[in-house]
Amino acid sequence: MLFVRDPLCFKASISISLETLPHYDNSLLREFVESIPSSVGRVRLETSPEVEERLISCMSEFKETKTYHWLREDFKNALYDIEIQLNKRMVS
């Protein structure tokens, strides 16, 4: 389960990352992105371990691209919030 402060920014930033990484096997993540509500309020998203692993991998690769460095700060913050939650789970 992930707590998303701004689902609209998170959805946009993950969509951009998937477009930036065309070689990435992303059918599972695309389905996940489609399930994210386009709202501004905080939401709780149910996720599988496989989705979480792919999110970590995708965000890690995306952070190495030029597109990431040009990304709006609110989009970067949305990714960072999720990355922190996922990393805490991996450590626990």
PDB file of N, CA and C in Angstrom:
ATOM      1  N   MET A   1       0.833  -1.164   0.000  1.00  0.00           N
ATOM      2  CA  MET A   1       0.000   0.000   0.000  1.00  0.00           C
ATOM      3  C   MET A   1       0.892   1.246   0.000  1.00  0.00           C
ATOM      4  N   LEU A   2       0.539   2.189  -0.854  1.00  0.00           N
ATOM      5  CA  LEU A   2       1.269   3.443  -0.949  1.00  0.00           C
ATOM      6  C   LEU A   2       0.342   4.602  -0.633  1.00  0.00           C
ATOM      7  N   PHE A   3       0.850   5.582   0.078  1.00  0.00           N
ATOM      8  CA  PHE A   3       0.104   6.802   0.351  1.00  0.00           C
ATOM      9  C   PHE A   3       0.631   7.885  -0.579  1.00  0.00           C
ATOM     10  N   VAL A   4      -0.254   8.394  -1.416  1.00  0.00           N
ATOM     11  CA  VAL A   4       0.145   9.376  -2.419  1.00  0.00           C
ATOM     12  C   VAL A   4      -0.475  10.722  -2.060  1.00  0.00           C
ATOM     13  N   ARG A   5       0.378  11.687  -1.831  1.00  0.00           N
ATOM     14  CA  ARG A   5      -0.069  13.026  -1.433  1.00  0.00           C
ATOM     15  C   ARG A   5      -0.777  13.738  -2.586  1.00  0.00           C
ATOM     16  N   ASP A   6      -0.215  13.641  -3.788  1.00  0.00           N
ATOM     17  CA  ASP A   6      -0.785  14.298  -4.966  1.00  0.00           C
ATOM     18  C   ASP A   6      -0.837  13.295  -6.117  1.00  0.00           C
ATOM     19  N   PRO A   7      -1.937  12.543  -6.217  1.00  0.00           N
ATOM     20  CA  PRO A   7      -2.013  11.496  -7.243  1.00  0.00           C
ATOM     21  C   PRO A   7      -1.871  12.016  -8.668  1.00  0.00           C
ATOM     22  N   LEU A   8      -2.336  13.225  -8.917  1.00  0.00           N
ATOM     23  CA  LEU A   8      -2.244  13.782 -10.262  1.00  0.00           C
ATOM     24  C   LEU A   8      -0.785  13.967 -10.679  1.00  0.00           C
ATOM     25  N   CYS A   9       0.036  14.519  -9.793  1.00  0.00           N
ATOM     26  CA  CYS A   9       1.468  14.697 -10.088  1.00  0.00           C
ATOM     27  C   CYS A   9       2.181  13.349 -10.195  1.00  0.00           C
ATOM     28  N   PHE A  10       1.846  12.441  -9.291  1.00  0.00           N
ATOM     29  CA  PHE A  10       2.488  11.124  -9.331  1.00  0.00           C
ATOM     30  C   PHE A  10       2.150  10.390 -10.623  1.00  0.00           C
ATOM     31  N   LYS A  11       0.883  10.439 -11.008  1.00  0.00           N
ATOM     32  CA  LYS A  11       0.444   9.776 -12.237  1.00  0.00           C
ATOM     33  C   LYS A  11       1.166  10.362 -13.449  1.00  0.00           C
ATOM     34  N   ALA A  12       1.264  11.683 -13.505  1.00  0.00           N
ATOM     35  CA  ALA A  12       1.943  12.345 -14.633  1.00  0.00           C
ATOM     36  C   ALA A  12       3.429  12.007 -14.656  1.00  0.00           C
ATOM     37  N   SER A  13       4.064  12.018 -13.493  1.00  0.00           N
ATOM     38  CA  SER A  13       5.509  11.767 -13.464  1.00  0.00           C
ATOM     39  C   SER A  13       5.844  10.318 -13.824  1.00  0.00           C
ATOM     40  N   ILE A  14       5.041   9.372 -13.378  1.00  0.00           N
ATOM     41  CA  ILE A  14       5.283   7.970 -13.761  1.00  0.00           C
ATOM     42  C   ILE A  14       4.997   7.774 -15.247  1.00  0.00           C
ATOM     43  N   SER A  15       3.966   8.422 -15.761  1.00  0.00           N
ATOM     44  CA  SER A  15       3.682   8.335 -17.197  1.00  0.00           C
ATOM     45  C   SER A  15       4.845   8.865 -18.022  1.00  0.00           C
ATOM     46  N   ILE A  16       5.407   9.988 -17.596  1.00  0.00           N
ATOM     47  CA  ILE A  16       6.567  10.566 -18.291  1.00  0.00           C
ATOM     48  C   ILE A  16       7.756   9.611 -18.228  1.00  0.00           C
ATOM     49  N   SER A  17       7.960   8.999 -17.081  1.00  0.00           N
ATOM     50  CA  SER A  17       9.094   8.072 -16.959  1.00  0.00           C
ATOM     51  C   SER A  17       8.915   6.869 -17.885  1.00  0.00           C
ATOM     52  N   LEU A  18       7.697   6.376 -18.010  1.00  0.00           N
ATOM     53  CA  LEU A  18       7.458   5.229 -18.901  1.00  0.00           C
ATOM     54  C   LEU A  18       7.637   5.618 -20.363  1.00  0.00           C
ATOM     55  N   GLU A  19       7.273   6.839 -20.719  1.00  0.00           N
ATOM     56  CA  GLU A  19       7.486   7.305 -22.091  1.00  0.00           C
ATOM     57  C   GLU A  19       8.972   7.499 -22.372  1.00  0.00           C
ATOM     58  N   THR A  20       9.716   7.891 -21.361  1.00  0.00           N
ATOM     59  CA  THR A  20      11.149   8.136 -21.509  1.00  0.00           C
ATOM     60  C   THR A  20      11.938   6.835 -21.624  1.00  0.00           C
ATOM     61  N   LEU A  21      11.403   5.770 -21.048  1.00  0.00           N
ATOM     62  CA  LEU A  21      12.087   4.474 -21.049  1.00  0.00           C
ATOM     63  C   LEU A  21      11.316   3.472 -21.909  1.00  0.00           C
ATOM     64  N   PRO A  22      11.331   3.628 -23.234  1.00  0.00           N
ATOM     65  CA  PRO A  22      10.526   2.765 -24.098  1.00  0.00           C
ATOM     66  C   PRO A  22      10.950   1.296 -24.069  1.00  0.00           C
ATOM     67  N   HIS A  23      12.203   1.036 -23.728  1.00  0.00           N
ATOM     68  CA  HIS A  23      12.699  -0.340 -23.681  1.00  0.00           C
ATOM     69  C   HIS A  23      12.234  -1.068 -22.426  1.00  0.00           C
ATOM     70  N   TYR A  24      11.730  -0.317 -21.476  1.00  0.00           N
ATOM     71  CA  TYR A  24      11.348  -0.877 -20.185  1.00  0.00           C
ATOM     72  C   TYR A  24      10.069  -1.702 -20.327  1.00  0.00           C
ATOM     73  N   ASP A  25      10.064  -2.917 -19.795  1.00  0.00           N
ATOM     74  CA  ASP A  25       8.865  -3.769 -19.821  1.00  0.00           C
ATOM     75  C   ASP A  25       7.871  -3.174 -18.828  1.00  0.00           C
ATOM     76  N   ASN A  26       6.901  -2.464 -19.338  1.00  0.00           N
ATOM     77  CA  ASN A  26       6.097  -1.646 -18.460  1.00  0.00           C
ATOM     78  C   ASN A  26       4.598  -1.910 -18.514  1.00  0.00           C
ATOM     79  N   SER A  27       4.156  -3.019 -19.051  1.00  0.00           N
ATOM     80  CA  SER A  27       2.713  -3.267 -19.142  1.00  0.00           C
ATOM     81  C   SER A  27       2.065  -3.293 -17.761  1.00  0.00           C
ATOM     82  N   LEU A  28       2.734  -3.882 -16.793  1.00  0.00           N
ATOM     83  CA  LEU A  28       2.200  -3.920 -15.429  1.00  0.00           C
ATOM     84  C   LEU A  28       2.130  -2.514 -14.835  1.00  0.00           C
ATOM     85  N   LEU A  29       3.170  -1.724 -15.067  1.00  0.00           N
ATOM     86  CA  LEU A  29       3.170  -0.355 -14.553  1.00  0.00           C
ATOM     87  C   LEU A  29       2.147   0.518 -15.271  1.00  0.00           C
ATOM     88  N   ARG A  30       1.944   0.294 -16.554  1.00  0.00           N
ATOM     89  CA  ARG A  30       0.918   1.067 -17.276  1.00  0.00           C
ATOM     90  C   ARG A  30      -0.467   0.789 -16.698  1.00  0.00           C
ATOM     91  N   GLU A  31      -0.742  -0.461 -16.384  1.00  0.00           N
ATOM     92  CA  GLU A  31      -2.024  -0.801 -15.752  1.00  0.00           C
ATOM     93  C   GLU A  31      -2.138  -0.118 -14.389  1.00  0.00           C
ATOM     94  N   PHE A  32      -1.041  -0.108 -13.645  1.00  0.00           N
ATOM     95  CA  PHE A  32      -1.028   0.551 -12.341  1.00  0.00           C
ATOM     96  C   PHE A  32      -1.301   2.047 -12.488  1.00  0.00           C
ATOM     97  N   VAL A  33      -0.655   2.671 -13.468  1.00  0.00           N
ATOM     98  CA  VAL A  33      -0.838   4.110 -13.692  1.00  0.00           C
ATOM     99  C   VAL A  33      -2.295   4.416 -14.033  1.00  0.00           C
ATOM    100  N   GLU A  34      -2.899   3.577 -14.838  1.00  0.00           N
ATOM    101  CA  GLU A  34      -4.302   3.784 -15.205  1.00  0.00           C
ATOM    102  C   GLU A  34      -5.224   3.681 -13.994  1.00  0.00           C
ATOM    103  N   SER A  35      -4.811   2.947 -12.975  1.00  0.00           N
ATOM    104  CA  SER A  35      -5.650   2.788 -11.783  1.00  0.00           C
ATOM    105  C   SER A  35      -5.526   3.959 -10.805  1.00  0.00           C
ATOM    106  N   ILE A  36      -4.540   4.828 -11.019  1.00  0.00           N
ATOM    107  CA  ILE A  36      -4.344   5.978 -10.128  1.00  0.00           C
ATOM    108  C   ILE A  36      -5.405   7.030 -10.445  1.00  0.00           C
ATOM    109  N   PRO A  37      -6.141   7.468  -9.434  1.00  0.00           N
ATOM    110  CA  PRO A  37      -7.177   8.479  -9.697  1.00  0.00           C
ATOM    111  C   PRO A  37      -6.568   9.827 -10.082  1.00  0.00           C
ATOM    112  N   SER A  38      -7.265  10.546 -10.923  1.00  0.00           N
ATOM    113  CA  SER A  38      -6.814  11.883 -11.325  1.00  0.00           C
ATOM    114  C   SER A  38      -7.442  12.906 -10.389  1.00  0.00           C
ATOM    115  N   SER A  39      -6.977  12.883  -9.171  1.00  0.00           N
ATOM    116  CA  SER A  39      -7.510  13.797  -8.169  1.00  0.00           C
ATOM    117  C   SER A  39      -6.356  14.517  -7.484  1.00  0.00           C
ATOM    118  N   VAL A  40      -6.689  15.527  -6.708  1.00  0.00           N
ATOM    119  CA  VAL A  40      -5.660  16.314  -6.050  1.00  0.00           C
ATOM    120  C   VAL A  40      -5.460  15.867  -4.604  1.00  0.00           C
ATOM    121  N   GLY A  41      -6.475  15.306  -3.983  1.00  0.00           N
ATOM    122  CA  GLY A  41      -6.382  14.910  -2.582  1.00  0.00           C
ATOM    123  C   GLY A  41      -5.577  13.642  -2.371  1.00  0.00           C
ATOM    124  N   ARG A  42      -5.128  13.459  -1.144  1.00  0.00           N
ATOM    125  CA  ARG A  42      -4.327  12.286  -0.762  1.00  0.00           C
ATOM    126  C   ARG A  42      -5.133  10.997  -0.964  1.00  0.00           C
ATOM    127  N   VAL A  43      -4.459   9.971  -1.487  1.00  0.00           N
ATOM    128  CA  VAL A  43      -5.094   8.669  -1.694  1.00  0.00           C
ATOM    129  C   VAL A  43      -4.183   7.557  -1.204  1.00  0.00           C
ATOM    130  N   ARG A  44      -4.788   6.417  -0.984  1.00  0.00           N
ATOM    131  CA  ARG A  44      -4.055   5.207  -0.600  1.00  0.00           C
ATOM    132  C   ARG A  44      -4.218   4.218  -1.747  1.00  0.00           C
ATOM    133  N   LEU A  45      -3.097   3.730  -2.262  1.00  0.00           N
ATOM    134  CA  LEU A  45      -3.114   2.805  -3.397  1.00  0.00           C
ATOM    135  C   LEU A  45      -2.647   1.424  -2.951  1.00  0.00           C
ATOM    136  N   GLU A  46      -3.434   0.424  -3.303  1.00  0.00           N
ATOM    137  CA  GLU A  46      -3.041  -0.954  -3.048  1.00  0.00           C
ATOM    138  C   GLU A  46      -2.064  -1.376  -4.148  1.00  0.00           C
ATOM    139  N   THR A  47      -0.948  -1.961  -3.754  1.00  0.00           N
ATOM    140  CA  THR A  47       0.056  -2.392  -4.723  1.00  0.00           C
ATOM    141  C   THR A  47       0.524  -3.803  -4.399  1.00  0.00           C
ATOM    142  N   SER A  48       0.964  -4.472  -5.442  1.00  0.00           N
ATOM    143  CA  SER A  48       1.546  -5.801  -5.250  1.00  0.00           C
ATOM    144  C   SER A  48       3.062  -5.638  -5.102  1.00  0.00           C
ATOM    145  N   PRO A  49       3.727  -6.635  -4.537  1.00  0.00           N
ATOM    146  CA  PRO A  49       5.198  -6.567  -4.447  1.00  0.00           C
ATOM    147  C   PRO A  49       5.856  -6.414  -5.819  1.00  0.00           C
ATOM    148  N   GLU A  50       5.268  -7.024  -6.838  1.00  0.00           N
ATOM    149  CA  GLU A  50       5.836  -6.926  -8.184  1.00  0.00           C
ATOM    150  C   GLU A  50       5.752  -5.490  -8.718  1.00  0.00           C
ATOM    151  N   VAL A  51       4.622  -4.836  -8.489  1.00  0.00           N
ATOM    152  CA  VAL A  51       4.472  -3.441  -8.911  1.00  0.00           C
ATOM    153  C   VAL A  51       5.476  -2.571  -8.170  1.00  0.00           C
ATOM    154  N   GLU A  52       5.634  -2.803  -6.889  1.00  0.00           N
ATOM    155  CA  GLU A  52       6.574  -2.019  -6.095  1.00  0.00           C
ATOM    156  C   GLU A  52       8.003  -2.193  -6.588  1.00  0.00           C
ATOM    157  N   GLU A  53       8.394  -3.409  -6.918  1.00  0.00           N
ATOM    158  CA  GLU A  53       9.740  -3.663  -7.443  1.00  0.00           C
ATOM    159  C   GLU A  53       9.958  -2.944  -8.770  1.00  0.00           C
ATOM    160  N   ARG A  54       8.946  -3.006  -9.610  1.00  0.00           N
ATOM    161  CA  ARG A  54       9.065  -2.352 -10.916  1.00  0.00           C
ATOM    162  C   ARG A  54       9.082  -0.831 -10.788  1.00  0.00           C
ATOM    163  N   LEU A  55       8.326  -0.310  -9.835  1.00  0.00           N
ATOM    164  CA  LEU A  55       8.358   1.135  -9.590  1.00  0.00           C
ATOM    165  C   LEU A  55       9.755   1.577  -9.173  1.00  0.00           C
ATOM    166  N   ILE A  56      10.353   0.839  -8.253  1.00  0.00           N
ATOM    167  CA  ILE A  56      11.705   1.172  -7.797  1.00  0.00           C
ATOM    168  C   ILE A  56      12.680   1.143  -8.968  1.00  0.00           C
ATOM    169  N   SER A  57      12.612   0.109  -9.755  1.00  0.00           N
ATOM    170  CA  SER A  57      13.513  -0.037 -10.900  1.00  0.00           C
ATOM    171  C   SER A  57      13.289   1.086 -11.921  1.00  0.00           C
ATOM    172  N   CYS A  58      12.036   1.356 -12.221  1.00  0.00           N
ATOM    173  CA  CYS A  58      11.697   2.388 -13.202  1.00  0.00           C
ATOM    174  C   CYS A  58      12.170   3.760 -12.726  1.00  0.00           C
ATOM    175  N   MET A  59      11.896   4.092 -11.467  1.00  0.00           N
ATOM    176  CA  MET A  59      12.306   5.397 -10.948  1.00  0.00           C
ATOM    177  C   MET A  59      13.828   5.522 -10.917  1.00  0.00           C
ATOM    178  N   SER A  60      14.491   4.444 -10.594  1.00  0.00           N
ATOM    179  CA  SER A  60      15.955   4.455 -10.559  1.00  0.00           C
ATOM    180  C   SER A  60      16.533   4.742 -11.941  1.00  0.00           C
ATOM    181  N   GLU A  61      16.012   4.060 -12.951  1.00  0.00           N
ATOM    182  CA  GLU A  61      16.475   4.294 -14.325  1.00  0.00           C
ATOM    183  C   GLU A  61      16.122   5.694 -14.801  1.00  0.00           C
ATOM    184  N   PHE A  62      14.910   6.120 -14.463  1.00  0.00           N
ATOM    185  CA  PHE A  62      14.437   7.431 -14.909  1.00  0.00           C
ATOM    186  C   PHE A  62      15.289   8.564 -14.341  1.00  0.00           C
ATOM    187  N   LYS A  63      15.751   8.410 -13.113  1.00  0.00           N
ATOM    188  CA  LYS A  63      16.551   9.453 -12.478  1.00  0.00           C
ATOM    189  C   LYS A  63      17.894   9.665 -13.176  1.00  0.00           C
ATOM    190  N   GLU A  64      18.300   8.740 -14.024  1.00  0.00           N
ATOM    191  CA  GLU A  64      19.556   8.854 -14.755  1.00  0.00           C
ATOM    192  C   GLU A  64      19.388   9.526 -16.117  1.00  0.00           C
ATOM    193  N   THR A  65      18.160   9.909 -16.464  1.00  0.00           N
ATOM    194  CA  THR A  65      17.913  10.515 -17.777  1.00  0.00           C
ATOM    195  C   THR A  65      17.940  12.043 -17.702  1.00  0.00           C
ATOM    196  N   LYS A  66      18.135  12.658 -18.851  1.00  0.00           N
ATOM    197  CA  LYS A  66      18.077  14.122 -18.932  1.00  0.00           C
ATOM    198  C   LYS A  66      16.652  14.617 -18.681  1.00  0.00           C
ATOM    199  N   THR A  67      15.685  13.841 -19.094  1.00  0.00           N
ATOM    200  CA  THR A  67      14.290  14.230 -18.905  1.00  0.00           C
ATOM    201  C   THR A  67      13.979  14.440 -17.431  1.00  0.00           C
ATOM    202  N   TYR A  68      14.510  13.573 -16.583  1.00  0.00           N
ATOM    203  CA  TYR A  68      14.278  13.714 -15.142  1.00  0.00           C
ATOM    204  C   TYR A  68      14.797  15.058 -14.636  1.00  0.00           C
ATOM    205  N   HIS A  69      15.938  15.469 -15.104  1.00  0.00           N
ATOM    206  CA  HIS A  69      16.532  16.718 -14.626  1.00  0.00           C
ATOM    207  C   HIS A  69      15.741  17.946 -15.075  1.00  0.00           C
ATOM    208  N   TRP A  70      14.953  17.798 -16.142  1.00  0.00           N
ATOM    209  CA  TRP A  70      14.116  18.898 -16.619  1.00  0.00           C
ATOM    210  C   TRP A  70      12.693  18.819 -16.058  1.00  0.00           C
ATOM    211  N   LEU A  71      12.423  17.796 -15.305  1.00  0.00           N
ATOM    212  CA  LEU A  71      11.080  17.582 -14.753  1.00  0.00           C
ATOM    213  C   LEU A  71      10.736  18.667 -13.731  1.00  0.00           C
ATOM    214  N   ARG A  72       9.479  19.040 -13.684  1.00  0.00           N
ATOM    215  CA  ARG A  72       9.020  20.021 -12.695  1.00  0.00           C
ATOM    216  C   ARG A  72       9.289  19.501 -11.287  1.00  0.00           C
ATOM    217  N   GLU A  73       9.548  20.407 -10.379  1.00  0.00           N
ATOM    218  CA  GLU A  73       9.871  20.033  -8.997  1.00  0.00           C
ATOM    219  C   GLU A  73       8.739  19.274  -8.312  1.00  0.00           C
ATOM    220  N   ASP A  74       7.487  19.652  -8.558  1.00  0.00           N
ATOM    221  CA  ASP A  74       6.387  18.937  -7.907  1.00  0.00           C
ATOM    222  C   ASP A  74       6.301  17.496  -8.397  1.00  0.00           C
ATOM    223  N   PHE A  75       6.660  17.254  -9.655  1.00  0.00           N
ATOM    224  CA  PHE A  75       6.687  15.888 -10.174  1.00  0.00           C
ATOM    225  C   PHE A  75       7.828  15.099  -9.524  1.00  0.00           C
ATOM    226  N   LYS A  76       8.984  15.734  -9.398  1.00  0.00           N
ATOM    227  CA  LYS A  76      10.122  15.075  -8.732  1.00  0.00           C
ATOM    228  C   LYS A  76       9.776  14.747  -7.282  1.00  0.00           C
ATOM    229  N   ASN A  77       9.114  15.673  -6.611  1.00  0.00           N
ATOM    230  CA  ASN A  77       8.734  15.446  -5.213  1.00  0.00           C
ATOM    231  C   ASN A  77       7.749  14.291  -5.084  1.00  0.00           C
ATOM    232  N   ALA A  78       6.835  14.163  -6.037  1.00  0.00           N
ATOM    233  CA  ALA A  78       5.875  13.055  -6.009  1.00  0.00           C
ATOM    234  C   ALA A  78       6.613  11.719  -6.131  1.00  0.00           C
ATOM    235  N   LEU A  79       7.596  11.658  -7.015  1.00  0.00           N
ATOM    236  CA  LEU A  79       8.397  10.437  -7.165  1.00  0.00           C
ATOM    237  C   LEU A  79       9.220  10.167  -5.915  1.00  0.00           C
ATOM    238  N   TYR A  80       9.794  11.222  -5.354  1.00  0.00           N
ATOM    239  CA  TYR A  80      10.632  11.081  -4.165  1.00  0.00           C
ATOM    240  C   TYR A  80       9.827  10.544  -2.980  1.00  0.00           C
ATOM    241  N   ASP A  81       8.608  11.043  -2.800  1.00  0.00           N
ATOM    242  CA  ASP A  81       7.748  10.566  -1.708  1.00  0.00           C
ATOM    243  C   ASP A  81       7.485   9.058  -1.818  1.00  0.00           C
ATOM    244  N   ILE A  82       7.221   8.606  -3.019  1.00  0.00           N
ATOM    245  CA  ILE A  82       6.956   7.176  -3.230  1.00  0.00           C
ATOM    246  C   ILE A  82       8.243   6.374  -3.059  1.00  0.00           C
ATOM    247  N   GLU A  83       9.345   6.913  -3.558  1.00  0.00           N
ATOM    248  CA  GLU A  83      10.631   6.227  -3.433  1.00  0.00           C
ATOM    249  C   GLU A  83      10.990   6.007  -1.957  1.00  0.00           C
ATOM    250  N   ILE A  84      10.755   6.991  -1.124  1.00  0.00           N
ATOM    251  CA  ILE A  84      11.031   6.862   0.310  1.00  0.00           C
ATOM    252  C   ILE A  84      10.188   5.744   0.917  1.00  0.00           C
ATOM    253  N   GLN A  85       8.904   5.717   0.587  1.00  0.00           N
ATOM    254  CA  GLN A  85       8.027   4.667   1.120  1.00  0.00           C
ATOM    255  C   GLN A  85       8.488   3.282   0.674  1.00  0.00           C
ATOM    256  N   LEU A  86       8.840   3.151  -0.591  1.00  0.00           N
ATOM    257  CA  LEU A  86       9.269   1.859  -1.109  1.00  0.00           C
ATOM    258  C   LEU A  86      10.602   1.419  -0.502  1.00  0.00           C
ATOM    259  N   ASN A  87      11.509   2.353  -0.334  1.00  0.00           N
ATOM    260  CA  ASN A  87      12.802   2.008   0.268  1.00  0.00           C
ATOM    261  C   ASN A  87      12.658   1.587   1.724  1.00  0.00           C
ATOM    262  N   LYS A  88      11.750   2.200   2.453  1.00  0.00           N
ATOM    263  CA  LYS A  88      11.502   1.799   3.839  1.00  0.00           C
ATOM    264  C   LYS A  88      10.986   0.370   3.907  1.00  0.00           C
ATOM    265  N   ARG A  89      10.179  -0.011   2.936  1.00  0.00           N
ATOM    266  CA  ARG A  89       9.647  -1.392   2.913  1.00  0.00           C
ATOM    267  C   ARG A  89      10.743  -2.399   2.618  1.00  0.00           C
ATOM    268  N   MET A  90      11.646  -2.017   1.725  1.00  0.00           N
ATOM    269  CA  MET A  90      12.719  -2.940   1.355  1.00  0.00           C
ATOM    270  C   MET A  90      13.673  -3.160   2.523  1.00  0.00           C
ATOM    271  N   VAL A  91      13.861  -2.131   3.341  1.00  0.00           N
ATOM    272  CA  VAL A  91      14.751  -2.231   4.494  1.00  0.00           C
ATOM    273  C   VAL A  91      14.111  -3.051   5.618  1.00  0.00           C
ATOM    274  N   SER A  92      12.807  -2.889   5.778  1.00  0.00           N
ATOM    275  CA  SER A  92      12.098  -3.585   6.879  1.00  0.00           C
ATOM    276  C   SER A  92      12.036  -5.067   6.698  1.00  0.00           C
TER     277      SER A  92
END
